Amino acid sequence: MTDQKSGRQVSRRRYSAEFKSEALGLAEQVGVAGAAKQLGLHESQLYAWRKKARYEASRSETEKELAIENARLKRQLAKQAEELEILKKASAYFAKSLK
């Protein structure tokens, strides 16, 4: 990124996750415009952070639900495999007795 006026290289600022979280908390209390002004940020930056935080929260919730469903399906599969094994043994036993 270069500064248009002077043509020199401008480095991007990086904010920690803690700073972003606190900034979003401040935005909840005083509003995005007020928080942006207090922190010296653009409002769009706070909106982008908020959007990303909501996306990640919903994504982790979805992953948790999928993990629960996966565990349930594994239990169901194990139970059905056990039932199938019992039926195979019973079938073999009754087939022998018919001969």
C-alpha atoms as a PDB file:
ATOM      1  CA  MET A   1       0.000   0.000   0.000  1.00  0.00           C
ATOM      2  CA  THR A   2       1.447   3.388  -0.918  1.00  0.00           C
ATOM      3  CA  ASP A   3       0.563   6.858   0.237  1.00  0.00           C
ATOM      4  CA  GLN A   4      -0.835   8.726  -2.790  1.00  0.00           C
ATOM      5  CA  LYS A   5       0.544  12.102  -1.737  1.00  0.00           C
ATOM      6  CA  SER A   6       4.141  11.183  -0.940  1.00  0.00           C
ATOM      7  CA  GLY A   7       4.459   7.881  -2.831  1.00  0.00           C
ATOM      8  CA  ARG A   8       6.067   6.163   0.156  1.00  0.00           C
ATOM      9  CA  GLN A   9       5.199   2.726   1.486  1.00  0.00           C
ATOM     10  CA  VAL A  10       2.568   2.679   4.246  1.00  0.00           C
ATOM     11  CA  SER A  11       2.335  -0.374   6.484  1.00  0.00           C
ATOM     12  CA  ARG A  12      -1.013  -1.793   7.492  1.00  0.00           C
ATOM     13  CA  ARG A  13      -1.960  -1.685  11.127  1.00  0.00           C
ATOM     14  CA  ARG A  14      -2.667  -5.017  12.735  1.00  0.00           C
ATOM     15  CA  TYR A  15      -4.946  -5.246  15.731  1.00  0.00           C
ATOM     16  CA  SER A  16      -4.960  -8.046  18.269  1.00  0.00           C
ATOM     17  CA  ALA A  17      -8.015 -10.200  18.813  1.00  0.00           C
ATOM     18  CA  GLU A  18      -8.300  -8.702  22.300  1.00  0.00           C
ATOM     19  CA  PHE A  19      -8.360  -5.154  20.898  1.00  0.00           C
ATOM     20  CA  LYS A  20     -10.996  -6.125  18.341  1.00  0.00           C
ATOM     21  CA  SER A  21     -13.137  -7.728  21.033  1.00  0.00           C
ATOM     22  CA  GLU A  22     -12.891  -4.675  23.273  1.00  0.00           C
ATOM     23  CA  ALA A  23     -13.617  -2.366  20.334  1.00  0.00           C
ATOM     24  CA  LEU A  24     -16.747  -4.365  19.495  1.00  0.00           C
ATOM     25  CA  GLY A  25     -17.803  -4.200  23.140  1.00  0.00           C
ATOM     26  CA  LEU A  26     -17.375  -0.437  23.097  1.00  0.00           C
ATOM     27  CA  ALA A  27     -19.360  -0.269  19.850  1.00  0.00           C
ATOM     28  CA  GLU A  28     -22.199  -2.133  21.577  1.00  0.00           C
ATOM     29  CA  GLN A  29     -22.208   0.415  24.396  1.00  0.00           C
ATOM     30  CA  VAL A  30     -21.765   3.736  22.589  1.00  0.00           C
ATOM     31  CA  GLY A  31     -22.560   2.793  19.000  1.00  0.00           C
ATOM     32  CA  VAL A  32     -20.308   2.121  16.055  1.00  0.00           C
ATOM     33  CA  ALA A  33     -19.827   5.774  15.116  1.00  0.00           C
ATOM     34  CA  GLY A  34     -18.859   6.784  18.650  1.00  0.00           C
ATOM     35  CA  ALA A  35     -16.533   3.838  19.134  1.00  0.00           C
ATOM     36  CA  ALA A  36     -14.847   4.435  15.787  1.00  0.00           C
ATOM     37  CA  LYS A  37     -14.288   8.090  16.648  1.00  0.00           C
ATOM     38  CA  GLN A  38     -12.881   7.243  20.111  1.00  0.00           C
ATOM     39  CA  LEU A  39     -10.546   4.576  18.742  1.00  0.00           C
ATOM     40  CA  GLY A  40      -9.487   6.446  15.614  1.00  0.00           C
ATOM     41  CA  LEU A  41     -10.877   3.792  13.272  1.00  0.00           C
ATOM     42  CA  HIS A  42     -13.191   3.857  10.299  1.00  0.00           C
ATOM     43  CA  GLU A  43     -16.727   2.714  11.018  1.00  0.00           C
ATOM     44  CA  SER A  44     -16.442   0.196   8.200  1.00  0.00           C
ATOM     45  CA  GLN A  45     -13.603  -1.521  10.067  1.00  0.00           C
ATOM     46  CA  LEU A  46     -15.801  -2.070  13.108  1.00  0.00           C
ATOM     47  CA  TYR A  47     -18.644  -3.324  10.923  1.00  0.00           C
ATOM     48  CA  ALA A  48     -16.258  -5.778   9.223  1.00  0.00           C
ATOM     49  CA  TRP A  49     -14.963  -7.044  12.574  1.00  0.00           C
ATOM     50  CA  ARG A  50     -18.515  -7.448  13.859  1.00  0.00           C
ATOM     51  CA  LYS A  51     -19.558  -9.350  10.735  1.00  0.00           C
ATOM     52  CA  LYS A  52     -16.549 -11.664  11.000  1.00  0.00           C
ATOM     53  CA  ALA A  53     -17.148 -12.279  14.719  1.00  0.00           C
ATOM     54  CA  ARG A  54     -20.783 -13.205  14.095  1.00  0.00           C
ATOM     55  CA  TYR A  55     -19.808 -15.508  11.233  1.00  0.00           C
ATOM     56  CA  GLU A  56     -17.207 -17.303  13.348  1.00  0.00           C
ATOM     57  CA  ALA A  57     -19.652 -17.654  16.249  1.00  0.00           C
ATOM     58  CA  SER A  58     -22.310 -19.195  14.021  1.00  0.00           C
ATOM     59  CA  ARG A  59     -19.704 -21.400  12.358  1.00  0.00           C
ATOM     60  CA  SER A  60     -18.464 -22.788  15.671  1.00  0.00           C
ATOM     61  CA  GLU A  61     -22.065 -23.407  16.738  1.00  0.00           C
ATOM     62  CA  THR A  62     -22.697 -25.294  13.489  1.00  0.00           C
ATOM     63  CA  GLU A  63     -19.544 -27.348  13.993  1.00  0.00           C
ATOM     64  CA  LYS A  64     -20.665 -28.221  17.520  1.00  0.00           C
ATOM     65  CA  GLU A  65     -24.073 -29.346  16.240  1.00  0.00           C
ATOM     66  CA  LEU A  66     -22.426 -31.439  13.525  1.00  0.00           C
ATOM     67  CA  ALA A  67     -20.128 -33.103  16.061  1.00  0.00           C
ATOM     68  CA  ILE A  68     -23.125 -34.020  18.233  1.00  0.00           C
ATOM     69  CA  GLU A  69     -24.982 -35.417  15.212  1.00  0.00           C
ATOM     70  CA  ASN A  70     -21.883 -37.338  14.130  1.00  0.00           C
ATOM     71  CA  ALA A  71     -21.548 -38.954  17.572  1.00  0.00           C
ATOM     72  CA  ARG A  72     -25.237 -39.915  17.551  1.00  0.00           C
ATOM     73  CA  LEU A  73     -24.918 -41.487  14.107  1.00  0.00           C
ATOM     74  CA  LYS A  74     -21.820 -43.439  15.163  1.00  0.00           C
ATOM     75  CA  ARG A  75     -23.701 -44.860  18.163  1.00  0.00           C
ATOM     76  CA  GLN A  76     -26.632 -45.779  15.923  1.00  0.00           C
ATOM     77  CA  LEU A  77     -24.320 -47.470  13.411  1.00  0.00           C
ATOM     78  CA  ALA A  78     -22.586 -49.483  16.143  1.00  0.00           C
ATOM     79  CA  LYS A  79     -25.956 -50.615  17.528  1.00  0.00           C
ATOM     80  CA  GLN A  80     -27.192 -51.688  14.098  1.00  0.00           C
ATOM     81  CA  ALA A  81     -23.924 -53.520  13.366  1.00  0.00           C
ATOM     82  CA  GLU A  82     -24.351 -55.417  16.640  1.00  0.00           C
ATOM     83  CA  GLU A  83     -27.959 -56.280  15.779  1.00  0.00           C
ATOM     84  CA  LEU A  84     -26.885 -57.484  12.332  1.00  0.00           C
ATOM     85  CA  GLU A  85     -24.212 -59.711  13.865  1.00  0.00           C
ATOM     86  CA  ILE A  86     -26.792 -61.245  16.222  1.00  0.00           C
ATOM     87  CA  LEU A  87     -29.176 -61.879  13.328  1.00  0.00           C
ATOM     88  CA  LYS A  88     -26.414 -63.529  11.290  1.00  0.00           C
ATOM     89  CA  LYS A  89     -25.608 -65.892  14.168  1.00  0.00           C
ATOM     90  CA  ALA A  90     -29.283 -66.682  14.708  1.00  0.00           C
ATOM     91  CA  SER A  91     -29.751 -67.315  11.000  1.00  0.00           C
ATOM     92  CA  ALA A  92     -26.773 -69.692  10.913  1.00  0.00           C
ATOM     93  CA  TYR A  93     -28.056 -71.521  14.020  1.00  0.00           C
ATOM     94  CA  PHE A  94     -31.545 -72.038  12.592  1.00  0.00           C
ATOM     95  CA  ALA A  95     -30.162 -73.026   9.184  1.00  0.00           C
ATOM     96  CA  LYS A  96     -28.144 -75.817  10.861  1.00  0.00           C
ATOM     97  CA  SER A  97     -31.175 -77.072  12.762  1.00  0.00           C
ATOM     98  CA  LEU A  98     -33.234 -77.320   9.556  1.00  0.00           C
ATOM     99  CA  LYS A  99     -30.707 -79.651   7.869  1.00  0.00           C
END
